């Protein structure tokens, strides 16, 4: 694949932070991942693109940046960690980027496909979808509609076996079409 198929994050941020506001994206941008790669490999590429790393699963606090001047910290609770491990894999499976619009899309997708007993995911996804409705309402509504007809990983436990599954096999199992907007 061309290196241009992998948009890079456009601004530096805390290694454990989620700062979509500092990234620019073209309308409808998707981060593509090869179907033959494992979810583990896709997640590593996702971390590289977004400027994240696995410390987001172990740090006590997560820094969220809004623009260049404003940031705030949220506690990295066990419920958030349990949800974010699967949420990150959803980014890989769907191709939604970590921009404000992309987080709104993934939030809408996960709400529509169901967060089950991941209470932190319900709250964080609702918040992201509301913000997304202000920055990209059409994209967020399309992602919600997409989530109604596709499934997600929230009914499963995060594990090495899950990470060893290929992206293509996981998409097929969950009826996720990465090219669908």
N, C-alpha and C. Protein backbone atom coordinates (compact mmCIF):
# COMPACT_ATOMS: atom_id res chain seq x y z
N UNK A 1 0.83 -1.19 0.00
CA UNK A 1 0.00 0.00 0.00
C UNK A 1 0.87 1.24 0.00
N UNK A 2 0.35 2.27 -0.58
CA UNK A 2 1.03 3.55 -0.61
C UNK A 2 1.10 4.14 0.79
N UNK A 3 2.20 4.85 1.12
CA UNK A 3 2.24 5.49 2.42
C UNK A 3 1.16 6.54 2.57
N UNK A 4 0.61 7.02 1.47
CA UNK A 4 -0.45 8.02 1.53
C UNK A 4 -1.78 7.41 1.95
N UNK A 5 -1.86 6.09 1.97
CA UNK A 5 -3.08 5.42 2.44
C UNK A 5 -3.19 5.49 3.95
N UNK A 6 -2.12 5.91 4.61
CA UNK A 6 -2.10 5.97 6.06
C UNK A 6 -1.90 7.41 6.53
N UNK A 7 -2.97 8.21 6.66
CA UNK A 7 -2.82 9.57 7.14
C UNK A 7 -2.18 9.57 8.52
N UNK A 8 -1.22 10.44 8.73
CA UNK A 8 -0.55 10.53 10.01
C UNK A 8 -1.19 11.61 10.85
N UNK A 9 -1.08 11.50 12.15
CA UNK A 9 -1.58 12.54 13.05
C UNK A 9 -0.80 13.81 12.75
N UNK A 10 -1.48 14.95 12.78
CA UNK A 10 -0.84 16.19 12.37
C UNK A 10 -0.29 17.01 13.52
N UNK A 11 -0.48 16.57 14.75
CA UNK A 11 0.04 17.34 15.88
C UNK A 11 0.47 16.41 17.00
N UNK A 12 1.45 16.83 17.74
CA UNK A 12 1.93 16.03 18.86
C UNK A 12 0.96 16.15 20.04
N UNK A 13 0.89 15.12 20.86
CA UNK A 13 0.04 15.15 22.04
C UNK A 13 0.62 14.20 23.07
N UNK A 14 0.02 14.18 24.23
CA UNK A 14 0.47 13.29 25.28
C UNK A 14 0.39 11.85 24.76
N UNK A 15 1.32 11.01 25.18
CA UNK A 15 1.35 9.65 24.67
C UNK A 15 0.11 8.87 25.04
N UNK A 16 -0.53 9.22 26.15
CA UNK A 16 -1.72 8.47 26.55
C UNK A 16 -2.99 9.25 26.27
N UNK A 17 -2.88 10.39 25.63
CA UNK A 17 -4.04 11.25 25.42
C UNK A 17 -4.79 10.93 24.17
N UNK A 18 -5.98 11.38 24.15
CA UNK A 18 -6.84 11.27 22.97
C UNK A 18 -7.17 12.70 22.60
N UNK A 19 -6.58 13.20 21.54
CA UNK A 19 -6.77 14.61 21.23
C UNK A 19 -7.20 14.82 19.78
N UNK A 20 -8.37 14.39 19.42
CA UNK A 20 -8.80 14.52 18.04
C UNK A 20 -8.89 15.96 17.58
N UNK A 21 -9.08 16.92 18.46
CA UNK A 21 -9.24 18.30 18.04
C UNK A 21 -7.98 18.86 17.41
N UNK A 22 -6.83 18.27 17.65
CA UNK A 22 -5.59 18.80 17.09
C UNK A 22 -5.30 18.24 15.71
N UNK A 23 -6.16 17.38 15.21
CA UNK A 23 -5.91 16.75 13.92
C UNK A 23 -6.87 17.29 12.86
N UNK A 24 -6.35 17.49 11.68
CA UNK A 24 -7.17 17.88 10.56
C UNK A 24 -7.53 16.63 9.77
N UNK A 25 -8.69 16.62 9.18
CA UNK A 25 -9.09 15.49 8.35
C UNK A 25 -9.98 16.00 7.24
N UNK A 26 -9.86 15.35 6.12
CA UNK A 26 -10.76 15.70 5.03
C UNK A 26 -12.09 15.00 5.27
N UNK A 27 -13.17 15.55 4.74
CA UNK A 27 -14.48 14.93 4.94
C UNK A 27 -14.49 13.48 4.47
N UNK A 28 -15.00 12.62 5.32
CA UNK A 28 -15.12 11.21 4.96
C UNK A 28 -13.81 10.44 5.02
N UNK A 29 -12.75 11.04 5.55
CA UNK A 29 -11.46 10.35 5.63
C UNK A 29 -11.59 9.05 6.40
N UNK A 30 -10.91 8.02 5.92
CA UNK A 30 -10.86 6.73 6.60
C UNK A 30 -9.42 6.28 6.68
N UNK A 31 -9.07 5.65 7.78
CA UNK A 31 -7.76 5.05 7.92
C UNK A 31 -7.91 3.59 7.51
N UNK A 32 -7.20 3.19 6.48
CA UNK A 32 -7.34 1.84 5.93
C UNK A 32 -6.34 0.89 6.57
N UNK A 33 -6.80 -0.33 6.80
CA UNK A 33 -5.97 -1.38 7.39
C UNK A 33 -6.12 -2.63 6.54
N UNK A 34 -5.02 -3.32 6.23
CA UNK A 34 -5.11 -4.51 5.38
C UNK A 34 -5.86 -5.65 6.05
N UNK A 35 -6.76 -6.27 5.32
CA UNK A 35 -7.58 -7.35 5.86
C UNK A 35 -6.73 -8.54 6.30
N UNK A 36 -5.55 -8.71 5.70
CA UNK A 36 -4.70 -9.86 6.04
C UNK A 36 -3.90 -9.64 7.32
N UNK A 37 -3.85 -8.42 7.82
CA UNK A 37 -3.12 -8.14 9.06
C UNK A 37 -3.93 -8.62 10.26
N UNK A 38 -3.25 -8.92 11.34
CA UNK A 38 -3.96 -9.28 12.57
C UNK A 38 -4.47 -8.00 13.24
N UNK A 39 -5.41 -8.17 14.15
CA UNK A 39 -5.87 -7.02 14.92
C UNK A 39 -4.73 -6.42 15.74
N UNK A 40 -3.81 -7.25 16.18
CA UNK A 40 -2.64 -6.75 16.91
C UNK A 40 -1.81 -5.83 16.01
N UNK A 41 -1.56 -6.25 14.78
CA UNK A 41 -0.79 -5.44 13.83
C UNK A 41 -1.56 -4.16 13.47
N UNK A 42 -2.86 -4.30 13.27
CA UNK A 42 -3.68 -3.13 12.97
C UNK A 42 -3.70 -2.14 14.10
N UNK A 43 -3.77 -2.64 15.34
CA UNK A 43 -3.75 -1.76 16.50
C UNK A 43 -2.41 -1.03 16.60
N UNK A 44 -1.31 -1.71 16.32
CA UNK A 44 0.01 -1.06 16.34
C UNK A 44 0.06 0.07 15.32
N UNK A 45 -0.49 -0.17 14.13
CA UNK A 45 -0.53 0.88 13.11
C UNK A 45 -1.45 2.02 13.53
N UNK A 46 -2.57 1.68 14.13
CA UNK A 46 -3.49 2.69 14.65
C UNK A 46 -2.80 3.56 15.70
N UNK A 47 -2.08 2.93 16.63
CA UNK A 47 -1.34 3.69 17.65
C UNK A 47 -0.34 4.64 16.98
N UNK A 48 0.36 4.13 15.97
CA UNK A 48 1.36 4.95 15.28
C UNK A 48 0.69 6.15 14.61
N UNK A 49 -0.39 5.93 13.90
CA UNK A 49 -1.09 7.00 13.19
C UNK A 49 -1.63 8.05 14.14
N UNK A 50 -2.19 7.59 15.25
CA UNK A 50 -2.86 8.49 16.18
C UNK A 50 -1.91 9.09 17.21
N UNK A 51 -0.69 8.57 17.29
CA UNK A 51 0.25 9.06 18.28
C UNK A 51 -0.02 8.52 19.67
N UNK A 52 -0.65 7.35 19.75
CA UNK A 52 -0.96 6.71 21.03
C UNK A 52 0.01 5.56 21.25
N UNK A 53 -0.07 4.97 22.43
CA UNK A 53 0.63 3.72 22.70
C UNK A 53 -0.15 2.97 23.78
N UNK A 54 0.32 1.79 24.10
CA UNK A 54 -0.42 0.94 25.04
C UNK A 54 -0.45 1.50 26.45
N UNK A 55 0.30 2.57 26.74
CA UNK A 55 0.24 3.15 28.09
C UNK A 55 -1.15 3.70 28.40
N UNK A 56 -1.94 3.95 27.36
CA UNK A 56 -3.31 4.42 27.58
C UNK A 56 -4.13 3.39 28.36
N UNK A 57 -3.65 2.15 28.41
CA UNK A 57 -4.34 1.11 29.16
C UNK A 57 -3.87 1.03 30.62
N UNK A 58 -2.74 1.63 30.94
CA UNK A 58 -2.18 1.48 32.28
C UNK A 58 -2.01 2.80 33.04
N UNK A 59 -1.96 3.91 32.35
CA UNK A 59 -1.78 5.19 33.03
C UNK A 59 -2.99 5.50 33.91
N UNK A 60 -2.76 6.24 35.00
CA UNK A 60 -3.85 6.59 35.92
C UNK A 60 -4.77 7.66 35.35
N UNK A 61 -4.25 8.54 34.50
CA UNK A 61 -5.02 9.64 33.94
C UNK A 61 -4.85 9.68 32.43
N UNK A 62 -5.87 10.17 31.73
CA UNK A 62 -5.82 10.36 30.29
C UNK A 62 -5.96 11.85 30.04
N UNK A 63 -5.07 12.39 29.22
CA UNK A 63 -5.10 13.80 28.88
C UNK A 63 -5.85 13.98 27.56
N UNK A 64 -6.88 14.80 27.58
CA UNK A 64 -7.64 15.13 26.37
C UNK A 64 -7.32 16.58 26.02
N UNK A 65 -6.95 16.81 24.79
CA UNK A 65 -6.61 18.16 24.34
C UNK A 65 -7.71 18.69 23.43
N UNK A 66 -8.02 19.95 23.64
CA UNK A 66 -8.98 20.66 22.80
C UNK A 66 -8.21 21.85 22.24
N UNK A 67 -7.83 21.75 20.99
CA UNK A 67 -7.00 22.80 20.39
C UNK A 67 -5.60 22.74 20.97
N UNK A 68 -4.89 23.86 20.85
CA UNK A 68 -3.51 23.90 21.32
C UNK A 68 -3.38 24.42 22.74
N UNK A 69 -4.39 25.10 23.25
CA UNK A 69 -4.30 25.74 24.56
C UNK A 69 -4.98 25.00 25.69
N UNK A 70 -6.03 24.28 25.40
CA UNK A 70 -6.86 23.72 26.46
C UNK A 70 -6.70 22.20 26.52
N UNK A 71 -6.52 21.69 27.70
CA UNK A 71 -6.52 20.24 27.90
C UNK A 71 -7.12 19.95 29.28
N UNK A 72 -7.59 18.77 29.44
CA UNK A 72 -8.10 18.34 30.74
C UNK A 72 -7.80 16.86 30.90
N UNK A 73 -7.82 16.42 32.14
CA UNK A 73 -7.51 15.04 32.46
C UNK A 73 -8.75 14.33 32.97
N UNK A 74 -8.88 13.07 32.56
CA UNK A 74 -9.95 12.24 33.10
C UNK A 74 -9.31 11.00 33.71
N UNK A 75 -9.92 10.45 34.74
CA UNK A 75 -9.35 9.25 35.34
C UNK A 75 -9.45 8.06 34.38
N UNK A 76 -8.41 7.28 34.35
CA UNK A 76 -8.38 6.09 33.51
C UNK A 76 -8.88 4.90 34.33
N UNK A 77 -10.18 4.86 34.53
CA UNK A 77 -10.81 3.84 35.38
C UNK A 77 -10.71 2.46 34.73
N UNK A 78 -10.91 1.44 35.52
CA UNK A 78 -10.88 0.08 35.00
C UNK A 78 -11.98 -0.12 33.95
N UNK A 79 -13.14 0.52 34.14
CA UNK A 79 -14.22 0.43 33.16
C UNK A 79 -13.84 1.08 31.84
N UNK A 80 -13.14 2.23 31.91
CA UNK A 80 -12.68 2.90 30.70
C UNK A 80 -11.66 2.02 29.98
N UNK A 81 -10.72 1.45 30.72
CA UNK A 81 -9.69 0.60 30.11
C UNK A 81 -10.33 -0.61 29.46
N UNK A 82 -11.28 -1.23 30.13
CA UNK A 82 -11.97 -2.40 29.58
C UNK A 82 -12.64 -2.04 28.25
N UNK A 83 -13.26 -0.87 28.18
CA UNK A 83 -13.93 -0.45 26.96
C UNK A 83 -12.95 0.02 25.90
N UNK A 84 -11.93 0.79 26.28
CA UNK A 84 -11.05 1.41 25.29
C UNK A 84 -10.23 0.38 24.53
N UNK A 85 -9.93 -0.75 25.17
CA UNK A 85 -9.20 -1.81 24.45
C UNK A 85 -9.99 -2.29 23.24
N UNK A 86 -11.29 -2.43 23.41
CA UNK A 86 -12.14 -2.86 22.30
C UNK A 86 -12.44 -1.69 21.36
N UNK A 87 -12.63 -0.50 21.92
CA UNK A 87 -12.87 0.71 21.13
C UNK A 87 -11.73 0.93 20.13
N UNK A 88 -10.49 0.77 20.57
CA UNK A 88 -9.35 0.93 19.67
C UNK A 88 -9.41 -0.06 18.52
N UNK A 89 -9.83 -1.29 18.81
CA UNK A 89 -9.97 -2.29 17.74
C UNK A 89 -11.11 -1.92 16.79
N UNK A 90 -12.15 -1.27 17.30
CA UNK A 90 -13.24 -0.81 16.43
C UNK A 90 -12.74 0.24 15.45
N UNK A 91 -11.82 1.11 15.90
CA UNK A 91 -11.22 2.08 14.97
C UNK A 91 -10.55 1.33 13.82
N UNK A 92 -9.83 0.26 14.13
CA UNK A 92 -9.14 -0.54 13.11
C UNK A 92 -10.15 -1.19 12.17
N UNK A 93 -11.19 -1.76 12.72
CA UNK A 93 -12.18 -2.48 11.91
C UNK A 93 -13.02 -1.56 11.03
N UNK A 94 -13.34 -0.38 11.52
CA UNK A 94 -14.22 0.53 10.78
C UNK A 94 -13.47 1.54 9.94
N UNK A 95 -12.25 1.89 10.33
CA UNK A 95 -11.49 2.91 9.61
C UNK A 95 -11.77 4.33 10.06
N UNK A 96 -12.59 4.52 11.09
CA UNK A 96 -12.85 5.87 11.57
C UNK A 96 -11.58 6.44 12.21
N UNK A 97 -11.16 7.64 11.81
CA UNK A 97 -9.93 8.23 12.36
C UNK A 97 -10.16 8.84 13.74
N UNK A 98 -9.10 9.35 14.36
CA UNK A 98 -9.21 9.95 15.69
C UNK A 98 -9.30 11.47 15.61
N UNK A 99 -10.10 11.96 14.69
CA UNK A 99 -10.44 13.38 14.63
C UNK A 99 -11.72 13.57 15.45
N UNK A 100 -12.13 14.81 15.67
CA UNK A 100 -13.41 15.01 16.37
C UNK A 100 -14.54 14.35 15.60
N UNK A 101 -14.55 14.52 14.28
CA UNK A 101 -15.60 13.88 13.47
C UNK A 101 -15.51 12.36 13.57
N UNK A 102 -14.28 11.82 13.47
CA UNK A 102 -14.09 10.37 13.55
C UNK A 102 -14.48 9.79 14.89
N UNK A 103 -14.18 10.51 15.97
CA UNK A 103 -14.61 10.03 17.29
C UNK A 103 -16.12 10.10 17.43
N UNK A 104 -16.73 11.13 16.81
CA UNK A 104 -18.19 11.19 16.79
C UNK A 104 -18.78 10.01 16.04
N UNK A 105 -18.14 9.66 14.93
CA UNK A 105 -18.60 8.52 14.13
C UNK A 105 -18.46 7.21 14.90
N UNK A 106 -17.30 6.98 15.48
CA UNK A 106 -17.11 5.71 16.19
C UNK A 106 -18.03 5.65 17.40
N UNK A 107 -18.26 6.81 18.05
CA UNK A 107 -19.19 6.84 19.17
C UNK A 107 -20.60 6.46 18.74
N UNK A 108 -21.05 7.03 17.63
CA UNK A 108 -22.39 6.72 17.11
C UNK A 108 -22.48 5.25 16.68
N UNK A 109 -21.43 4.76 16.01
CA UNK A 109 -21.39 3.37 15.58
C UNK A 109 -21.51 2.43 16.79
N UNK A 110 -20.73 2.71 17.84
CA UNK A 110 -20.74 1.83 19.01
C UNK A 110 -22.06 1.92 19.77
N UNK A 111 -22.64 3.11 19.85
CA UNK A 111 -23.96 3.22 20.50
C UNK A 111 -25.00 2.41 19.75
N UNK A 112 -25.00 2.54 18.42
CA UNK A 112 -26.00 1.85 17.61
C UNK A 112 -25.82 0.34 17.62
N UNK A 113 -24.58 -0.11 17.67
CA UNK A 113 -24.34 -1.56 17.67
C UNK A 113 -24.35 -2.14 19.08
N UNK A 114 -24.40 -1.27 20.09
CA UNK A 114 -24.60 -1.70 21.48
C UNK A 114 -23.32 -1.86 22.27
N UNK A 115 -23.27 -1.18 23.39
CA UNK A 115 -22.08 -1.24 24.26
C UNK A 115 -22.22 -2.28 25.37
N UNK A 116 -23.37 -2.96 25.41
CA UNK A 116 -23.66 -4.00 26.39
C UNK A 116 -23.38 -3.54 27.82
N UNK A 117 -22.55 -4.23 28.57
CA UNK A 117 -22.32 -3.85 29.97
C UNK A 117 -21.06 -2.99 30.14
N UNK A 118 -20.63 -2.36 29.09
CA UNK A 118 -19.47 -1.45 29.14
C UNK A 118 -20.00 -0.04 29.41
N UNK A 119 -20.28 0.25 30.70
CA UNK A 119 -20.94 1.50 31.07
C UNK A 119 -20.09 2.72 30.72
N UNK A 120 -18.79 2.62 30.84
CA UNK A 120 -17.92 3.74 30.45
C UNK A 120 -18.05 4.01 28.96
N UNK A 121 -18.19 2.97 28.17
CA UNK A 121 -18.34 3.14 26.72
C UNK A 121 -19.64 3.87 26.39
N UNK A 122 -20.72 3.52 27.07
CA UNK A 122 -22.00 4.21 26.82
C UNK A 122 -21.81 5.71 27.05
N UNK A 123 -21.22 6.08 28.17
CA UNK A 123 -21.04 7.48 28.52
C UNK A 123 -20.09 8.19 27.54
N UNK A 124 -18.92 7.61 27.32
CA UNK A 124 -17.93 8.25 26.45
C UNK A 124 -18.42 8.34 25.00
N UNK A 125 -19.08 7.29 24.52
CA UNK A 125 -19.60 7.31 23.15
C UNK A 125 -20.73 8.32 22.98
N UNK A 126 -21.59 8.42 23.97
CA UNK A 126 -22.66 9.43 23.89
C UNK A 126 -22.05 10.82 23.82
N UNK A 127 -21.06 11.08 24.67
CA UNK A 127 -20.39 12.38 24.67
C UNK A 127 -19.73 12.66 23.31
N UNK A 128 -19.05 11.67 22.77
CA UNK A 128 -18.38 11.84 21.47
C UNK A 128 -19.39 12.05 20.35
N UNK A 129 -20.49 11.31 20.38
CA UNK A 129 -21.50 11.46 19.33
C UNK A 129 -22.15 12.84 19.37
N UNK A 130 -22.38 13.38 20.57
CA UNK A 130 -22.95 14.73 20.69
C UNK A 130 -21.99 15.75 20.10
N UNK A 131 -20.71 15.66 20.46
CA UNK A 131 -19.72 16.58 19.88
C UNK A 131 -19.67 16.39 18.37
N UNK A 132 -19.68 15.16 17.92
CA UNK A 132 -19.65 14.86 16.49
C UNK A 132 -20.83 15.45 15.74
N UNK A 133 -21.99 15.55 16.40
CA UNK A 133 -23.16 16.14 15.75
C UNK A 133 -22.95 17.62 15.45
N UNK A 134 -22.06 18.27 16.19
CA UNK A 134 -21.76 19.67 15.93
C UNK A 134 -20.73 19.84 14.81
N UNK A 135 -19.79 18.89 14.69
CA UNK A 135 -18.71 19.06 13.71
C UNK A 135 -18.96 18.31 12.40
N UNK A 136 -19.72 17.23 12.43
CA UNK A 136 -19.97 16.45 11.22
C UNK A 136 -21.28 15.68 11.35
N UNK A 137 -22.41 16.39 11.42
CA UNK A 137 -23.67 15.71 11.70
C UNK A 137 -24.04 14.61 10.70
N UNK A 138 -23.82 14.85 9.45
CA UNK A 138 -24.18 13.84 8.44
C UNK A 138 -23.35 12.57 8.63
N UNK A 139 -22.06 12.74 8.84
CA UNK A 139 -21.17 11.59 9.04
C UNK A 139 -21.56 10.81 10.29
N UNK A 140 -21.92 11.50 11.35
CA UNK A 140 -22.29 10.83 12.60
C UNK A 140 -23.60 10.07 12.42
N UNK A 141 -24.56 10.66 11.74
CA UNK A 141 -25.82 9.96 11.49
C UNK A 141 -25.62 8.74 10.60
N UNK A 142 -24.76 8.86 9.59
CA UNK A 142 -24.46 7.70 8.73
C UNK A 142 -23.77 6.59 9.53
N UNK A 143 -22.87 6.98 10.42
CA UNK A 143 -22.18 5.98 11.26
C UNK A 143 -23.17 5.29 12.20
N UNK A 144 -24.13 6.04 12.74
CA UNK A 144 -25.15 5.44 13.59
C UNK A 144 -25.96 4.42 12.79
N UNK A 145 -26.37 4.81 11.59
CA UNK A 145 -27.12 3.89 10.74
C UNK A 145 -26.30 2.65 10.41
N UNK A 146 -25.01 2.84 10.17
CA UNK A 146 -24.10 1.73 9.91
C UNK A 146 -24.05 0.79 11.11
N UNK A 147 -23.95 1.35 12.30
CA UNK A 147 -23.89 0.54 13.52
C UNK A 147 -25.15 -0.27 13.77
N UNK A 148 -26.28 0.20 13.27
CA UNK A 148 -27.54 -0.54 13.45
C UNK A 148 -27.54 -1.86 12.68
N UNK A 149 -26.75 -1.93 11.61
CA UNK A 149 -26.76 -3.15 10.79
C UNK A 149 -25.47 -3.97 10.92
N UNK A 150 -24.53 -3.50 11.75
CA UNK A 150 -23.28 -4.21 11.96
C UNK A 150 -23.11 -4.49 13.45
N UNK A 151 -22.16 -5.33 13.78
CA UNK A 151 -21.93 -5.69 15.18
C UNK A 151 -20.57 -5.16 15.64
N UNK A 152 -20.31 -5.28 16.92
CA UNK A 152 -19.02 -4.84 17.46
C UNK A 152 -18.48 -5.89 18.42
N UNK A 153 -17.37 -5.56 19.06
CA UNK A 153 -16.67 -6.50 19.94
C UNK A 153 -17.08 -6.42 21.41
N UNK A 154 -18.01 -5.56 21.77
CA UNK A 154 -18.34 -5.37 23.17
C UNK A 154 -18.96 -6.60 23.83
N UNK A 155 -19.36 -7.58 23.09
CA UNK A 155 -19.85 -8.83 23.66
C UNK A 155 -18.74 -9.83 23.93
N UNK A 156 -17.49 -9.44 23.66
CA UNK A 156 -16.34 -10.33 23.80
C UNK A 156 -15.36 -9.79 24.82
N UNK A 157 -14.49 -10.65 25.28
CA UNK A 157 -13.42 -10.24 26.18
C UNK A 157 -12.17 -9.95 25.35
N UNK A 158 -11.46 -8.92 25.73
CA UNK A 158 -10.18 -8.60 25.11
C UNK A 158 -9.20 -9.70 25.47
N UNK A 159 -8.50 -10.25 24.47
CA UNK A 159 -7.58 -11.35 24.74
C UNK A 159 -6.52 -11.43 23.63
N UNK A 160 -5.48 -12.22 23.89
CA UNK A 160 -4.47 -12.46 22.86
C UNK A 160 -5.09 -13.16 21.66
N UNK A 161 -6.01 -14.08 21.90
CA UNK A 161 -6.66 -14.78 20.79
C UNK A 161 -7.42 -13.80 19.89
N UNK A 162 -8.07 -12.81 20.50
CA UNK A 162 -8.77 -11.79 19.72
C UNK A 162 -7.76 -10.99 18.90
N UNK A 163 -6.66 -10.60 19.51
CA UNK A 163 -5.64 -9.82 18.80
C UNK A 163 -4.99 -10.60 17.67
N UNK A 164 -5.00 -11.93 17.76
CA UNK A 164 -4.39 -12.76 16.72
C UNK A 164 -5.32 -13.01 15.54
N UNK A 165 -6.59 -12.64 15.67
CA UNK A 165 -7.54 -12.79 14.55
C UNK A 165 -7.19 -11.78 13.46
N UNK A 166 -7.38 -12.16 12.20
CA UNK A 166 -7.11 -11.19 11.14
C UNK A 166 -8.23 -10.15 11.08
N UNK A 167 -7.87 -8.99 10.59
CA UNK A 167 -8.85 -7.91 10.45
C UNK A 167 -9.98 -8.35 9.53
N UNK A 168 -9.63 -9.01 8.45
CA UNK A 168 -10.65 -9.48 7.51
C UNK A 168 -11.61 -10.47 8.13
N UNK A 169 -11.09 -11.40 8.92
CA UNK A 169 -11.95 -12.40 9.57
C UNK A 169 -12.87 -11.73 10.60
N UNK A 170 -12.32 -10.78 11.36
CA UNK A 170 -13.15 -10.07 12.36
C UNK A 170 -14.22 -9.25 11.67
N UNK A 171 -13.88 -8.58 10.58
CA UNK A 171 -14.89 -7.80 9.84
C UNK A 171 -15.99 -8.71 9.33
N UNK A 172 -15.61 -9.84 8.78
CA UNK A 172 -16.62 -10.77 8.25
C UNK A 172 -17.52 -11.28 9.37
N UNK A 173 -16.94 -11.65 10.49
CA UNK A 173 -17.69 -12.18 11.62
C UNK A 173 -18.67 -11.16 12.18
N UNK A 174 -18.28 -9.87 12.15
CA UNK A 174 -19.11 -8.81 12.71
C UNK A 174 -19.93 -8.07 11.65
N UNK A 175 -19.84 -8.52 10.40
CA UNK A 175 -20.54 -7.90 9.25
C UNK A 175 -20.14 -6.44 9.09
N UNK A 176 -18.86 -6.13 9.35
CA UNK A 176 -18.36 -4.76 9.20
C UNK A 176 -17.72 -4.62 7.82
N UNK A 177 -18.23 -3.68 7.08
CA UNK A 177 -17.64 -3.35 5.78
C UNK A 177 -16.84 -2.06 5.99
N UNK A 178 -15.54 -2.15 5.99
CA UNK A 178 -14.68 -1.00 6.27
C UNK A 178 -14.87 0.11 5.25
N UNK A 179 -15.30 -0.20 4.06
CA UNK A 179 -15.45 0.83 3.02
C UNK A 179 -16.78 1.54 3.11
N UNK A 180 -17.72 1.03 3.89
CA UNK A 180 -19.03 1.63 4.01
C UNK A 180 -18.96 2.90 4.85
N UNK A 181 -19.62 3.94 4.40
CA UNK A 181 -19.65 5.15 5.23
C UNK A 181 -21.02 5.35 5.81
